[in-house]
Amino acid sequence: MTEKIYRINDNKERNELYSDYKNTGGVYKLHCLKPGSDHEFIPLNRILVIDKEDVLYIGKTGPAAARVGDLFKTISDKYDSNRHHVGI
């Protein structure tokens, strides 16, 4: 099965993700796409090796749309928090 890639910083693709998953949950993987690429991820330097799987995070969620909305909010330049958030 091919995994579908959604760019959460792209309004159209984020809305497509919301539409595809509505209130369903599931398991997701978070990657960082190479600039200008539709399918290549940036390799990650781990402590002892370069991670060929390029996985930033694997999570499980109830409503996927709510989780993606939270993630998108935390990568926004306008988001300010003293709690844990994603940095870019």
C-alpha atoms as a PDB file:
ATOM      1  CA  MET A   1       0.000   0.000   0.000  1.00  0.00           C
ATOM      2  CA  THR A   2       1.357   3.422  -0.948  1.00  0.00           C
ATOM      3  CA  GLU A   3       1.297   6.042   1.754  1.00  0.00           C
ATOM      4  CA  LYS A   4      -0.199   9.355   0.770  1.00  0.00           C
ATOM      5  CA  ILE A   5       1.891  12.416   1.547  1.00  0.00           C
ATOM      6  CA  TYR A   6       0.243  15.628   2.712  1.00  0.00           C
ATOM      7  CA  ARG A   7       2.144  18.876   3.189  1.00  0.00           C
ATOM      8  CA  ILE A   8       0.531  20.357   6.266  1.00  0.00           C
ATOM      9  CA  ASN A   9       1.911  23.816   5.461  1.00  0.00           C
ATOM     10  CA  ASP A  10       0.007  23.762   2.133  1.00  0.00           C
ATOM     11  CA  ASN A  11      -3.619  24.883   2.692  1.00  0.00           C
ATOM     12  CA  LYS A  12      -5.012  22.770  -0.161  1.00  0.00           C
ATOM     13  CA  GLU A  13      -3.238  19.585   0.944  1.00  0.00           C
ATOM     14  CA  ARG A  14      -4.068  20.157   4.616  1.00  0.00           C
ATOM     15  CA  ASN A  15      -7.748  20.591   3.729  1.00  0.00           C
ATOM     16  CA  GLU A  16      -7.543  17.440   1.583  1.00  0.00           C
ATOM     17  CA  LEU A  17      -6.177  15.550   4.588  1.00  0.00           C
ATOM     18  CA  TYR A  18      -9.038  16.870   6.734  1.00  0.00           C
ATOM     19  CA  SER A  19     -11.518  15.743   4.081  1.00  0.00           C
ATOM     20  CA  ASP A  20      -9.920  12.309   3.624  1.00  0.00           C
ATOM     21  CA  TYR A  21      -9.802  11.504   7.328  1.00  0.00           C
ATOM     22  CA  LYS A  22     -12.600  13.643   8.819  1.00  0.00           C
ATOM     23  CA  ASN A  23     -13.033  12.386  12.399  1.00  0.00           C
ATOM     24  CA  THR A  24     -11.197   9.098  12.002  1.00  0.00           C
ATOM     25  CA  GLY A  25      -8.032   8.305  13.832  1.00  0.00           C
ATOM     26  CA  GLY A  26      -5.030   6.207  13.072  1.00  0.00           C
ATOM     27  CA  VAL A  27      -1.269   6.000  13.004  1.00  0.00           C
ATOM     28  CA  TYR A  28       0.789   8.641  11.232  1.00  0.00           C
ATOM     29  CA  LYS A  29       4.425   9.322  10.403  1.00  0.00           C
ATOM     30  CA  LEU A  30       5.934  12.774  10.267  1.00  0.00           C
ATOM     31  CA  HIS A  31       8.744  13.461   7.781  1.00  0.00           C
ATOM     32  CA  CYS A  32      10.438  16.572   6.445  1.00  0.00           C
ATOM     33  CA  LEU A  33      10.295  16.810   2.632  1.00  0.00           C
ATOM     34  CA  LYS A  34      13.299  18.065   0.723  1.00  0.00           C
ATOM     35  CA  PRO A  35      12.572  21.534  -0.694  1.00  0.00           C
ATOM     36  CA  GLY A  36      11.026  21.240  -4.159  1.00  0.00           C
ATOM     37  CA  SER A  37      10.408  17.495  -3.814  1.00  0.00           C
ATOM     38  CA  ASP A  38       7.125  15.606  -3.763  1.00  0.00           C
ATOM     39  CA  HIS A  39       8.493  12.373  -2.344  1.00  0.00           C
ATOM     40  CA  GLU A  40      12.092  12.696  -1.085  1.00  0.00           C
ATOM     41  CA  PHE A  41      12.693  13.272   2.604  1.00  0.00           C
ATOM     42  CA  ILE A  42      15.607  14.979   4.317  1.00  0.00           C
ATOM     43  CA  PRO A  43      17.916  12.393   5.950  1.00  0.00           C
ATOM     44  CA  LEU A  44      18.166  12.775   9.704  1.00  0.00           C
ATOM     45  CA  ASN A  45      21.405  12.746  11.644  1.00  0.00           C
ATOM     46  CA  ARG A  46      20.981  10.581  14.720  1.00  0.00           C
ATOM     47  CA  ILE A  47      23.613  10.185  17.420  1.00  0.00           C
ATOM     48  CA  LEU A  48      25.596   7.439  15.685  1.00  0.00           C
ATOM     49  CA  VAL A  49      24.107   7.116  12.184  1.00  0.00           C
ATOM     50  CA  ILE A  50      22.169   8.860   9.449  1.00  0.00           C
ATOM     51  CA  ASP A  51      18.569   7.675   9.604  1.00  0.00           C
ATOM     52  CA  LYS A  52      17.656   6.341   6.137  1.00  0.00           C
ATOM     53  CA  GLU A  53      13.970   6.070   7.102  1.00  0.00           C
ATOM     54  CA  ASP A  54      13.861   9.846   7.706  1.00  0.00           C
ATOM     55  CA  VAL A  55      11.087   9.563  10.298  1.00  0.00           C
ATOM     56  CA  LEU A  56      10.784  12.566  12.606  1.00  0.00           C
ATOM     57  CA  TYR A  57       7.909  11.160  14.613  1.00  0.00           C
ATOM     58  CA  ILE A  58       5.406   8.319  14.662  1.00  0.00           C
ATOM     59  CA  GLY A  59       2.157   8.899  16.496  1.00  0.00           C
ATOM     60  CA  LYS A  60      -1.335   7.598  17.038  1.00  0.00           C
ATOM     61  CA  THR A  61      -4.371   9.815  17.306  1.00  0.00           C
ATOM     62  CA  GLY A  62      -8.130   9.862  17.620  1.00  0.00           C
ATOM     63  CA  PRO A  63      -9.441  12.572  15.297  1.00  0.00           C
ATOM     64  CA  ALA A  64      -6.623  13.044  12.758  1.00  0.00           C
ATOM     65  CA  ALA A  65      -7.880  16.477  11.698  1.00  0.00           C
ATOM     66  CA  ALA A  66      -7.563  17.826  15.242  1.00  0.00           C
ATOM     67  CA  ARG A  67      -4.031  16.430  15.624  1.00  0.00           C
ATOM     68  CA  VAL A  68      -2.907  17.924  12.302  1.00  0.00           C
ATOM     69  CA  GLY A  69      -4.505  21.237  13.231  1.00  0.00           C
ATOM     70  CA  ASP A  70      -2.567  21.272  16.495  1.00  0.00           C
ATOM     71  CA  LEU A  71       0.679  20.431  14.704  1.00  0.00           C
ATOM     72  CA  PHE A  72       0.106  23.099  12.043  1.00  0.00           C
ATOM     73  CA  LYS A  73      -0.573  25.677  14.742  1.00  0.00           C
ATOM     74  CA  THR A  74       2.716  24.905  16.498  1.00  0.00           C
ATOM     75  CA  ILE A  75       4.808  25.390  13.346  1.00  0.00           C
ATOM     76  CA  SER A  76       3.224  28.774  12.694  1.00  0.00           C
ATOM     77  CA  ASP A  77       5.431  31.843  13.199  1.00  0.00           C
ATOM     78  CA  LYS A  78       2.529  33.411  15.112  1.00  0.00           C
ATOM     79  CA  TYR A  79       2.337  30.594  17.678  1.00  0.00           C
ATOM     80  CA  ASP A  80       3.914  31.361  21.040  1.00  0.00           C
ATOM     81  CA  SER A  81       3.970  28.797  23.783  1.00  0.00           C
ATOM     82  CA  ASN A  82       5.819  28.033  26.957  1.00  0.00           C
ATOM     83  CA  ARG A  83       4.867  24.371  26.510  1.00  0.00           C
ATOM     84  CA  HIS A  84       6.251  21.676  24.227  1.00  0.00           C
ATOM     85  CA  HIS A  85       5.888  22.541  20.542  1.00  0.00           C
ATOM     86  CA  VAL A  86       7.421  21.628  17.181  1.00  0.00           C
ATOM     87  CA  GLY A  87      10.290  23.750  15.920  1.00  0.00           C
ATOM     88  CA  ILE A  88      11.374  24.248  12.335  1.00  0.00           C
END
